[in-house]
């Protein structure tokens, strides 16, 4: 097994969070009352319960590093997410750090910065 770090993000409601991420191609690998693990190929996100979270005040985030951010964005655009509000899918941009990026904000207000090298 190679070394890795897995994002740990809050979920107001595990069922709603799982439903959101399955629209993006994730599968539920584990779920009980205190923890949930979702995966999509090599991407993995773990969730902990946070029922009182205000999505508009959330500062939780994670970086999603992929080989082709534009291809992933195109695939996730099929989920029909709006480009404003919560949840949302942003347009892509070239970041000064040398990455092609876009962002997803889930229904919990967590920001996923999706990126690939230019």
Protein backbone atom coordinates (compact mmCIF):
# COMPACT_ATOMS: atom_id res chain seq x y z
CA UNK A 1 0.00 0.00 0.00
CA UNK A 2 1.33 3.45 -0.87
CA UNK A 3 1.27 6.28 1.64
CA UNK A 4 -1.69 8.63 1.53
CA UNK A 5 -3.77 11.12 3.49
CA UNK A 6 -7.54 10.90 3.53
CA UNK A 7 -9.78 13.95 3.93
CA UNK A 8 -12.07 13.99 6.98
CA UNK A 9 -15.06 16.26 6.48
CA UNK A 10 -18.25 16.99 8.42
CA UNK A 11 -21.70 15.73 7.47
CA UNK A 12 -24.90 17.23 8.74
CA UNK A 13 -26.71 14.06 7.63
CA UNK A 14 -24.91 10.94 6.40
CA UNK A 15 -27.71 9.84 4.06
CA UNK A 16 -27.92 13.25 2.35
CA UNK A 17 -24.13 13.46 2.09
CA UNK A 18 -23.91 9.96 0.61
CA UNK A 19 -26.64 10.83 -1.90
CA UNK A 20 -24.75 13.96 -2.98
CA UNK A 21 -21.43 12.17 -3.47
CA UNK A 22 -22.93 9.16 -5.24
CA UNK A 23 -24.11 11.67 -7.89
CA UNK A 24 -20.37 12.36 -8.35
CA UNK A 25 -19.54 8.68 -8.74
CA UNK A 26 -18.55 7.85 -5.16
CA UNK A 27 -19.61 4.66 -3.43
CA UNK A 28 -20.33 4.10 0.25
CA UNK A 29 -17.62 1.80 1.61
CA UNK A 30 -18.57 2.06 5.28
CA UNK A 31 -21.28 3.78 7.30
CA UNK A 32 -22.41 3.59 10.89
CA UNK A 33 -23.73 6.23 13.29
CA UNK A 34 -20.30 7.76 13.91
CA UNK A 35 -18.34 7.50 10.66
CA UNK A 36 -18.77 7.17 6.91
CA UNK A 37 -16.24 6.40 4.19
CA UNK A 38 -16.88 7.12 0.51
CA UNK A 39 -14.58 6.29 -2.40
CA UNK A 40 -14.30 6.84 -6.11
CA UNK A 41 -11.35 4.99 -7.57
CA UNK A 42 -8.32 6.31 -5.69
CA UNK A 43 -10.26 9.20 -4.13
CA UNK A 44 -11.48 8.65 -0.59
CA UNK A 45 -13.33 10.96 1.78
CA UNK A 46 -14.26 10.14 5.34
CA UNK A 47 -17.09 11.92 7.13
CA UNK A 48 -17.89 12.51 10.78
CA UNK A 49 -21.30 13.61 12.11
CA UNK A 50 -21.76 17.35 12.63
CA UNK A 51 -25.55 17.85 12.78
CA UNK A 52 -25.38 21.48 13.95
CA UNK A 53 -23.05 22.69 11.18
CA UNK A 54 -24.15 25.80 9.31
CA UNK A 55 -23.03 25.18 5.69
CA UNK A 56 -22.76 28.94 5.06
CA UNK A 57 -20.20 29.27 7.88
CA UNK A 58 -18.17 26.12 7.18
CA UNK A 59 -14.41 26.45 6.73
CA UNK A 60 -13.81 22.75 6.02
CA UNK A 61 -11.99 21.90 2.79
CA UNK A 62 -9.84 19.36 1.00
CA UNK A 63 -7.63 19.27 -2.10
CA UNK A 64 -8.46 16.64 -4.69
CA UNK A 65 -5.43 16.02 -6.89
CA UNK A 66 -6.21 14.24 -10.13
CA UNK A 67 -4.51 13.63 -13.48
CA UNK A 68 -7.04 15.68 -15.50
CA UNK A 69 -9.15 18.27 -13.66
CA UNK A 70 -11.01 19.26 -16.84
CA UNK A 71 -12.13 15.68 -17.48
CA UNK A 72 -13.29 15.29 -13.88
CA UNK A 73 -15.16 18.59 -14.00
CA UNK A 74 -16.86 17.58 -17.24
CA UNK A 75 -17.95 14.30 -15.64
CA UNK A 76 -19.19 16.00 -12.47
CA UNK A 77 -21.06 18.63 -14.52
CA UNK A 78 -23.41 15.78 -15.40
CA UNK A 79 -24.64 15.83 -11.79
CA UNK A 80 -26.49 19.06 -12.58
CA UNK A 81 -25.03 21.15 -9.76
CA UNK A 82 -25.64 24.91 -9.87
CA UNK A 83 -22.74 27.35 -10.22
CA UNK A 84 -23.86 29.44 -7.22
CA UNK A 85 -25.04 28.69 -3.72
CA UNK A 86 -24.63 25.50 -1.71
CA UNK A 87 -24.02 23.00 -3.20
CA UNK A 88 -22.22 24.25 -6.31
CA UNK A 89 -19.73 23.42 -9.06
CA UNK A 90 -17.48 26.24 -10.26
CA UNK A 91 -15.95 26.92 -13.65
CA UNK A 92 -12.33 25.86 -14.21
CA UNK A 93 -9.36 28.22 -14.05
CA UNK A 94 -5.58 28.20 -14.33
CA UNK A 95 -4.11 28.90 -10.91
CA UNK A 96 -0.82 30.83 -10.48
CA UNK A 97 0.48 27.77 -8.60
CA UNK A 98 0.66 25.92 -11.94
CA UNK A 99 -2.56 23.94 -11.65
CA UNK A 100 -5.79 23.65 -13.59
CA UNK A 101 -8.52 23.90 -10.96
CA UNK A 102 -12.23 23.91 -10.25
CA UNK A 103 -14.16 23.65 -7.02
CA UNK A 104 -17.13 21.79 -5.62
CA UNK A 105 -18.95 22.83 -2.48
CA UNK A 106 -21.04 20.04 -0.99
CA UNK A 107 -24.34 20.46 0.85
CA UNK A 108 -22.41 20.65 4.14
CA UNK A 109 -20.47 23.71 2.91
CA UNK A 110 -17.19 21.79 2.52
CA UNK A 111 -14.97 23.02 -0.31
CA UNK A 112 -13.20 20.51 -2.56
CA UNK A 113 -10.42 22.16 -4.58
CA UNK A 114 -9.95 19.84 -7.54
CA UNK A 115 -6.65 20.25 -9.37
CA UNK A 116 -4.19 18.82 -11.86
CA UNK A 117 -0.80 20.13 -12.97
CA UNK A 118 -0.79 22.38 -16.04
